[in-house]
PDB file of N, CA and C in Angstrom:
ATOM      1  N   MET A   1       0.905  -0.801   0.080  1.00  0.00           N
ATOM      2  CA  MET A   1       0.213  -0.096  -0.004  1.00  0.00           C
ATOM      3  C   MET A   1       0.611   1.304   0.027  1.00  0.00           C
ATOM      4  N   HIS A   2       0.326   2.409  -0.480  1.00  0.00           N
ATOM      5  CA  HIS A   2       1.032   3.828  -0.555  1.00  0.00           C
ATOM      6  C   HIS A   2       0.661   4.239   0.385  1.00  0.00           C
ATOM      7  N   ILE A   3      -0.048   4.097   1.635  1.00  0.00           N
ATOM      8  CA  ILE A   3      -0.082   5.116   2.474  1.00  0.00           C
ATOM      9  C   ILE A   3       0.719   4.530   4.000  1.00  0.00           C
ATOM     10  N   LYS A   4       1.177   3.764   3.732  1.00  0.00           N
ATOM     11  CA  LYS A   4       1.832   3.987   4.767  1.00  0.00           C
ATOM     12  C   LYS A   4       3.305   4.749   4.643  1.00  0.00           C
ATOM     13  N   PRO A   5       3.937   4.882   3.420  1.00  0.00           N
ATOM     14  CA  PRO A   5       5.094   5.823   3.084  1.00  0.00           C
ATOM     15  C   PRO A   5       4.849   7.370   3.165  1.00  0.00           C
ATOM     16  N   LEU A   6       3.325   7.275   2.986  1.00  0.00           N
ATOM     17  CA  LEU A   6       3.085   8.672   2.809  1.00  0.00           C
ATOM     18  C   LEU A   6       2.572   9.721   4.476  1.00  0.00           C
ATOM     19  N   LEU A   7       2.220   8.383   5.042  1.00  0.00           N
ATOM     20  CA  LEU A   7       2.357   8.384   6.524  1.00  0.00           C
ATOM     21  C   LEU A   7       3.449   9.112   7.248  1.00  0.00           C
ATOM     22  N   ILE A   8       4.457   8.156   6.696  1.00  0.00           N
ATOM     23  CA  ILE A   8       5.904   8.003   7.633  1.00  0.00           C
ATOM     24  C   ILE A   8       6.105   9.880   7.282  1.00  0.00           C
ATOM     25  N   LYS A   9       6.167  10.151   6.050  1.00  0.00           N
ATOM     26  CA  LYS A   9       7.019  11.425   5.541  1.00  0.00           C
ATOM     27  C   LYS A   9       5.980  12.491   5.858  1.00  0.00           C
ATOM     28  N   THR A  10       4.201  12.471   6.056  1.00  0.00           N
ATOM     29  CA  THR A  10       3.695  13.409   6.839  1.00  0.00           C
ATOM     30  C   THR A  10       3.972  13.910   8.076  1.00  0.00           C
ATOM     31  N   VAL A  11       3.949  12.308   9.039  1.00  0.00           N
ATOM     32  CA  VAL A  11       4.344  12.474  10.413  1.00  0.00           C
ATOM     33  C   VAL A  11       5.817  13.337  10.517  1.00  0.00           C
ATOM     34  N   ALA A  12       6.728  12.668   9.734  1.00  0.00           N
ATOM     35  CA  ALA A  12       8.173  13.580   9.826  1.00  0.00           C
ATOM     36  C   ALA A  12       8.356  15.062   9.718  1.00  0.00           C
ATOM     37  N   VAL A  13       7.497  15.306   8.179  1.00  0.00           N
ATOM     38  CA  VAL A  13       7.587  17.010   8.089  1.00  0.00           C
ATOM     39  C   VAL A  13       7.119  17.595   8.934  1.00  0.00           C
ATOM     40  N   LEU A  14       5.624  16.993   9.586  1.00  0.00           N
ATOM     41  CA  LEU A  14       5.105  17.670  10.841  1.00  0.00           C
ATOM     42  C   LEU A  14       5.940  17.941  11.895  1.00  0.00           C
ATOM     43  N   PHE A  15       6.732  17.171  12.378  1.00  0.00           N
ATOM     44  CA  PHE A  15       7.638  16.971  13.181  1.00  0.00           C
ATOM     45  C   PHE A  15       8.612  17.838  13.042  1.00  0.00           C
ATOM     46  N   LEU A  16       9.003  17.821  12.008  1.00  0.00           N
ATOM     47  CA  LEU A  16      10.267  18.915  11.984  1.00  0.00           C
ATOM     48  C   LEU A  16       9.698  20.390  11.740  1.00  0.00           C
ATOM     49  N   ALA A  17       8.406  20.660  11.515  1.00  0.00           N
ATOM     50  CA  ALA A  17       8.159  21.976  11.086  1.00  0.00           C
ATOM     51  C   ALA A  17       7.577  22.278  12.549  1.00  0.00           C
ATOM     52  N   VAL A  18       7.184  21.863  13.346  1.00  0.00           N
ATOM     53  CA  VAL A  18       6.865  22.275  14.472  1.00  0.00           C
ATOM     54  C   VAL A  18       7.814  22.276  15.802  1.00  0.00           C
ATOM     55  N   THR A  19       8.806  21.696  15.722  1.00  0.00           N
ATOM     56  CA  THR A  19      10.056  21.695  16.573  1.00  0.00           C
ATOM     57  C   THR A  19      10.248  23.640  16.759  1.00  0.00           C
ATOM     58  N   GLU A  20      10.676  23.718  18.216  1.00  0.00           N
ATOM     59  CA  GLU A  20      10.703  25.327  18.599  1.00  0.00           C
ATOM     60  C   GLU A  20      11.662  24.790  19.965  1.00  0.00           C
ATOM     61  N   SER A  21      13.016  25.814  19.834  1.00  0.00           N
ATOM     62  CA  SER A  21      13.696  25.770  20.661  1.00  0.00           C
ATOM     63  C   SER A  21      13.565  26.963  21.781  1.00  0.00           C
ATOM     64  N   PHE A  22      13.715  26.772  22.839  1.00  0.00           N
ATOM     65  CA  PHE A  22      13.989  28.007  24.082  1.00  0.00           C
ATOM     66  C   PHE A  22      15.216  27.662  24.733  1.00  0.00           C
ATOM     67  N   CYS A  23      16.417  28.629  24.465  1.00  0.00           N
ATOM     68  CA  CYS A  23      17.522  28.662  25.102  1.00  0.00           C
ATOM     69  C   CYS A  23      17.837  29.841  25.899  1.00  0.00           C
ATOM     70  N   CYS A  24      18.908  29.497  26.740  1.00  0.00           N
ATOM     71  CA  CYS A  24      19.302  30.832  27.488  1.00  0.00           C
ATOM     72  C   CYS A  24      20.494  30.995  27.412  1.00  0.00           C
ATOM     73  N   SER A  25      21.474  32.030  27.285  1.00  0.00           N
ATOM     74  CA  SER A  25      22.848  32.231  27.531  1.00  0.00           C
ATOM     75  C   SER A  25      23.241  33.062  28.149  1.00  0.00           C
ATOM     76  N   ALA A  26      24.674  32.926  28.771  1.00  0.00           N
ATOM     77  CA  ALA A  26      24.863  33.887  29.701  1.00  0.00           C
ATOM     78  C   ALA A  26      26.266  33.887  29.545  1.00  0.00           C
ATOM     79  N   PHE A  27      26.886  34.855  30.412  1.00  0.00           N
ATOM     80  CA  PHE A  27      28.415  35.275  30.084  1.00  0.00           C
ATOM     81  C   PHE A  27      28.995  36.027  30.900  1.00  0.00           C
ATOM     82  N   CYS A  28      29.973  36.216  31.114  1.00  0.00           N
ATOM     83  CA  CYS A  28      31.159  36.935  31.753  1.00  0.00           C
ATOM     84  C   CYS A  28      32.097  37.651  31.247  1.00  0.00           C
ATOM     85  N   LEU A  29      32.347  38.801  31.049  1.00  0.00           N
ATOM     86  CA  LEU A  29      33.754  39.293  30.867  1.00  0.00           C
ATOM     87  C   LEU A  29      34.031  39.995  31.564  1.00  0.00           C
ATOM     88  N   HIS A  30      35.496  39.720  31.500  1.00  0.00           N
ATOM     89  CA  HIS A  30      36.546  40.947  32.510  1.00  0.00           C
ATOM     90  C   HIS A  30      37.403  41.764  31.620  1.00  0.00           C
ATOM     91  N   LYS A  31      37.540  43.208  32.260  1.00  0.00           N
ATOM     92  CA  LYS A  31      37.980  44.008  31.649  1.00  0.00           C
ATOM     93  C   LYS A  31      38.733  44.631  33.311  1.00  0.00           C
ATOM     94  N   GLY A  32      40.256  44.147  33.573  1.00  0.00           N
ATOM     95  CA  GLY A  32      40.631  44.482  34.872  1.00  0.00           C
ATOM     96  C   GLY A  32      40.108  43.401  35.848  1.00  0.00           C
ATOM     97  N   ASP A  33      39.729  44.733  36.361  1.00  0.00           N
ATOM     98  CA  ASP A  33      39.009  43.664  37.994  1.00  0.00           C
ATOM     99  C   ASP A  33      37.619  44.232  37.913  1.00  0.00           C
ATOM    100  N   GLN A  34      37.299  44.590  36.500  1.00  0.00           N
ATOM    101  CA  GLN A  34      35.344  44.829  36.546  1.00  0.00           C
ATOM    102  C   GLN A  34      34.776  43.437  35.594  1.00  0.00           C
ATOM    103  N   PRO A  35      34.131  42.916  36.265  1.00  0.00           N
ATOM    104  CA  PRO A  35      33.589  42.032  35.373  1.00  0.00           C
ATOM    105  C   PRO A  35      32.201  42.439  34.953  1.00  0.00           C
ATOM    106  N   LEU A  36      32.049  41.845  33.825  1.00  0.00           N
ATOM    107  CA  LEU A  36      30.703  42.363  32.958  1.00  0.00           C
ATOM    108  C   LEU A  36      29.574  41.008  32.841  1.00  0.00           C
ATOM    109  N   VAL A  37      28.779  41.164  33.556  1.00  0.00           N
ATOM    110  CA  VAL A  37      28.059  39.839  33.498  1.00  0.00           C
ATOM    111  C   VAL A  37      26.591  40.190  32.891  1.00  0.00           C
ATOM    112  N   GLY A  38      26.352  39.341  31.749  1.00  0.00           N
ATOM    113  CA  GLY A  38      24.601  39.435  31.092  1.00  0.00           C
ATOM    114  C   GLY A  38      24.353  38.002  30.835  1.00  0.00           C
ATOM    115  N   ARG A  39      22.799  38.257  30.461  1.00  0.00           N
ATOM    116  CA  ARG A  39      22.276  37.289  30.128  1.00  0.00           C
ATOM    117  C   ARG A  39      20.883  37.313  29.643  1.00  0.00           C
ATOM    118  N   ASN A  40      20.287  36.484  28.557  1.00  0.00           N
ATOM    119  CA  ASN A  40      19.319  36.552  27.994  1.00  0.00           C
ATOM    120  C   ASN A  40      18.559  35.104  27.901  1.00  0.00           C
ATOM    121  N   TYR A  41      17.450  35.901  27.472  1.00  0.00           N
ATOM    122  CA  TYR A  41      16.393  34.733  27.365  1.00  0.00           C
ATOM    123  C   TYR A  41      15.571  34.940  26.151  1.00  0.00           C
ATOM    124  N   ASP A  42      15.991  33.696  25.022  1.00  0.00           N
ATOM    125  CA  ASP A  42      15.572  33.726  24.046  1.00  0.00           C
ATOM    126  C   ASP A  42      13.985  33.104  23.653  1.00  0.00           C
ATOM    127  N   TRP A  43      13.120  34.136  24.642  1.00  0.00           N
ATOM    128  CA  TRP A  43      11.652  33.802  24.234  1.00  0.00           C
ATOM    129  C   TRP A  43      11.495  35.459  23.447  1.00  0.00           C
ATOM    130  N   SER A  44      10.223  35.305  23.093  1.00  0.00           N
ATOM    131  CA  SER A  44       9.465  36.194  22.210  1.00  0.00           C
ATOM    132  C   SER A  44       9.050  37.440  23.034  1.00  0.00           C
ATOM    133  N   PHE A  45       9.846  38.369  23.531  1.00  0.00           N
ATOM    134  CA  PHE A  45       9.360  39.827  24.079  1.00  0.00           C
ATOM    135  C   PHE A  45      10.080  40.818  23.077  1.00  0.00           C
ATOM    136  N   ASP A  46       8.913  41.634  23.108  1.00  0.00           N
ATOM    137  CA  ASP A  46       9.204  42.929  22.351  1.00  0.00           C
ATOM    138  C   ASP A  46       9.924  44.026  22.551  1.00  0.00           C
ATOM    139  N   ARG A  47       9.822  44.186  23.923  1.00  0.00           N
ATOM    140  CA  ARG A  47      10.603  45.108  24.708  1.00  0.00           C
ATOM    141  C   ARG A  47      11.892  44.679  25.224  1.00  0.00           C
ATOM    142  N   CYS A  48      12.859  45.603  25.940  1.00  0.00           N
ATOM    143  CA  CYS A  48      13.385  45.688  27.120  1.00  0.00           C
ATOM    144  C   CYS A  48      13.914  46.294  27.663  1.00  0.00           C
ATOM    145  N   LEU A  49      14.887  46.494  28.891  1.00  0.00           N
ATOM    146  CA  LEU A  49      15.006  47.673  29.536  1.00  0.00           C
ATOM    147  C   LEU A  49      16.414  47.314  30.191  1.00  0.00           C
ATOM    148  N   VAL A  50      17.112  48.062  29.904  1.00  0.00           N
ATOM    149  CA  VAL A  50      18.853  47.958  30.588  1.00  0.00           C
ATOM    150  C   VAL A  50      18.911  49.090  31.843  1.00  0.00           C
ATOM    151  N   PHE A  51      19.107  48.675  32.899  1.00  0.00           N
ATOM    152  CA  PHE A  51      19.324  49.472  33.900  1.00  0.00           C
ATOM    153  C   PHE A  51      21.040  49.128  34.210  1.00  0.00           C
ATOM    154  N   VAL A  52      21.659  50.382  34.166  1.00  0.00           N
ATOM    155  CA  VAL A  52      22.993  50.465  35.033  1.00  0.00           C
ATOM    156  C   VAL A  52      23.181  51.238  35.822  1.00  0.00           C
ATOM    157  N   ASN A  53      23.682  50.761  36.975  1.00  0.00           N
ATOM    158  CA  ASN A  53      23.401  51.499  38.254  1.00  0.00           C
ATOM    159  C   ASN A  53      25.261  51.598  38.549  1.00  0.00           C
ATOM    160  N   LYS A  54      26.187  53.005  38.325  1.00  0.00           N
ATOM    161  CA  LYS A  54      27.115  53.451  38.501  1.00  0.00           C
ATOM    162  C   LYS A  54      27.339  53.325  39.802  1.00  0.00           C
ATOM    163  N   ARG A  55      28.834  52.730  40.299  1.00  0.00           N
ATOM    164  CA  ARG A  55      29.246  53.294  41.725  1.00  0.00           C
ATOM    165  C   ARG A  55      29.312  54.439  41.811  1.00  0.00           C
ATOM    166  N   ASN A  56      29.516  55.456  43.266  1.00  0.00           N
ATOM    167  CA  ASN A  56      29.892  56.527  43.801  1.00  0.00           C
ATOM    168  C   ASN A  56      28.879  57.427  42.970  1.00  0.00           C
ATOM    169  N   VAL A  57      27.586  57.052  42.995  1.00  0.00           N
ATOM    170  CA  VAL A  57      26.259  58.209  42.479  1.00  0.00           C
ATOM    171  C   VAL A  57      25.526  58.830  43.742  1.00  0.00           C
ATOM    172  N   ALA A  58      25.340  59.699  43.525  1.00  0.00           N
ATOM    173  CA  ALA A  58      24.538  60.360  44.546  1.00  0.00           C
ATOM    174  C   ALA A  58      22.975  60.060  44.076  1.00  0.00           C
ATOM    175  N   LYS A  59      22.290  58.926  45.205  1.00  0.00           N
ATOM    176  CA  LYS A  59      20.894  59.132  44.887  1.00  0.00           C
ATOM    177  C   LYS A  59      19.817  59.230  45.905  1.00  0.00           C
ATOM    178  N   THR A  60      18.183  59.446  45.234  1.00  0.00           N
ATOM    179  CA  THR A  60      17.544  60.010  46.459  1.00  0.00           C
ATOM    180  C   THR A  60      16.541  59.033  45.768  1.00  0.00           C
ATOM    181  N   ALA A  61      15.611  58.486  46.800  1.00  0.00           N
ATOM    182  CA  ALA A  61      14.304  57.545  47.169  1.00  0.00           C
ATOM    183  C   ALA A  61      13.367  58.664  45.793  1.00  0.00           C
ATOM    184  N   PHE A  62      12.537  57.383  45.529  1.00  0.00           N
ATOM    185  CA  PHE A  62      11.222  58.115  45.172  1.00  0.00           C
ATOM    186  C   PHE A  62      10.450  58.519  45.737  1.00  0.00           C
ATOM    187  N   THR A  63       9.401  59.145  45.453  1.00  0.00           N
ATOM    188  CA  THR A  63       8.653  59.691  46.091  1.00  0.00           C
ATOM    189  C   THR A  63       6.934  58.508  46.269  1.00  0.00           C
ATOM    190  N   TYR A  64       6.314  58.089  47.229  1.00  0.00           N
ATOM    191  CA  TYR A  64       5.388  56.861  47.493  1.00  0.00           C
ATOM    192  C   TYR A  64       3.875  57.401  46.713  1.00  0.00           C
ATOM    193  N   TYR A  65       4.096  56.898  45.458  1.00  0.00           N
ATOM    194  CA  TYR A  65       2.932  57.163  44.330  1.00  0.00           C
ATOM    195  C   TYR A  65       2.425  58.679  44.716  1.00  0.00           C
ATOM    196  N   GLY A  66       3.627  59.452  44.244  1.00  0.00           N
ATOM    197  CA  GLY A  66       3.786  60.721  44.197  1.00  0.00           C
ATOM    198  C   GLY A  66       3.219  62.109  45.418  1.00  0.00           C
ATOM    199  N   HIS A  67       3.095  61.495  46.474  1.00  0.00           N
ATOM    200  CA  HIS A  67       3.111  61.753  47.516  1.00  0.00           C
ATOM    201  C   HIS A  67       4.402  62.704  47.859  1.00  0.00           C
ATOM    202  N   PRO A  68       4.493  64.022  48.292  1.00  0.00           N
ATOM    203  CA  PRO A  68       5.816  64.687  48.931  1.00  0.00           C
ATOM    204  C   PRO A  68       6.123  63.921  49.988  1.00  0.00           C
ATOM    205  N   VAL A  69       7.366  63.927  50.318  1.00  0.00           N
ATOM    206  CA  VAL A  69       7.868  63.245  51.209  1.00  0.00           C
ATOM    207  C   VAL A  69       9.155  64.360  51.877  1.00  0.00           C
ATOM    208  N   ASP A  70       8.686  64.765  52.998  1.00  0.00           N
ATOM    209  CA  ASP A  70       9.658  65.878  53.410  1.00  0.00           C
ATOM    210  C   ASP A  70      11.363  65.839  53.458  1.00  0.00           C
ATOM    211  N   ASN A  71      11.549  64.407  54.107  1.00  0.00           N
ATOM    212  CA  ASN A  71      12.641  63.986  54.009  1.00  0.00           C
ATOM    213  C   ASN A  71      13.141  62.509  53.246  1.00  0.00           C
ATOM    214  N   PRO A  72      13.209  62.340  52.033  1.00  0.00           N
ATOM    215  CA  PRO A  72      13.331  60.981  51.513  1.00  0.00           C
ATOM    216  C   PRO A  72      14.776  60.635  51.692  1.00  0.00           C
ATOM    217  N   ALA A  73      15.234  59.405  51.376  1.00  0.00           N
ATOM    218  CA  ALA A  73      16.385  58.857  51.672  1.00  0.00           C
ATOM    219  C   ALA A  73      17.072  59.297  50.673  1.00  0.00           C
ATOM    220  N   THR A  74      18.178  59.184  50.886  1.00  0.00           N
ATOM    221  CA  THR A  74      19.727  59.527  50.138  1.00  0.00           C
ATOM    222  C   THR A  74      20.888  58.945  50.629  1.00  0.00           C
ATOM    223  N   TRP A  75      21.799  58.615  49.444  1.00  0.00           N
ATOM    224  CA  TRP A  75      22.623  57.927  49.402  1.00  0.00           C
ATOM    225  C   TRP A  75      23.534  57.612  48.207  1.00  0.00           C
ATOM    226  N   THR A  76      24.674  57.165  48.869  1.00  0.00           N
ATOM    227  CA  THR A  76      26.057  57.457  47.256  1.00  0.00           C
ATOM    228  C   THR A  76      26.245  55.964  47.166  1.00  0.00           C
ATOM    229  N   SER A  77      25.812  55.462  45.952  1.00  0.00           N
ATOM    230  CA  SER A  77      26.224  53.957  45.388  1.00  0.00           C
ATOM    231  C   SER A  77      27.453  53.614  46.004  1.00  0.00           C
ATOM    232  N   LYS A  78      27.619  52.645  46.288  1.00  0.00           N
ATOM    233  CA  LYS A  78      29.093  52.080  46.664  1.00  0.00           C
ATOM    234  C   LYS A  78      29.867  50.708  45.603  1.00  0.00           C
ATOM    235  N   TYR A  79      28.557  50.461  44.992  1.00  0.00           N
ATOM    236  CA  TYR A  79      28.762  49.504  43.836  1.00  0.00           C
ATOM    237  C   TYR A  79      28.111  49.625  42.861  1.00  0.00           C
ATOM    238  N   GLY A  80      28.484  49.202  41.834  1.00  0.00           N
ATOM    239  CA  GLY A  80      28.070  49.333  40.517  1.00  0.00           C
ATOM    240  C   GLY A  80      27.453  48.300  39.905  1.00  0.00           C
ATOM    241  N   SER A  81      26.260  48.166  39.298  1.00  0.00           N
ATOM    242  CA  SER A  81      25.319  47.294  38.655  1.00  0.00           C
ATOM    243  C   SER A  81      25.192  46.968  37.349  1.00  0.00           C
TER     244      SER A  81
END
């Protein structure tokens, strides 16, 4: 019969067409004594956001939902991230 080879070919094509891979990557680069670490998730996200926090930067806390604060917390960052 001709149905068995056709069925095998159809299943093989469907199996190959539907496979999808979700992988992650991570890396660490060194420049002197400063490491740079990064990672990604290979999933379908439209947007991304990157934060860089440098060391020795003066910071002030956000106010809670826009309410004014008389004396918000302030500090100087010791480490970068």
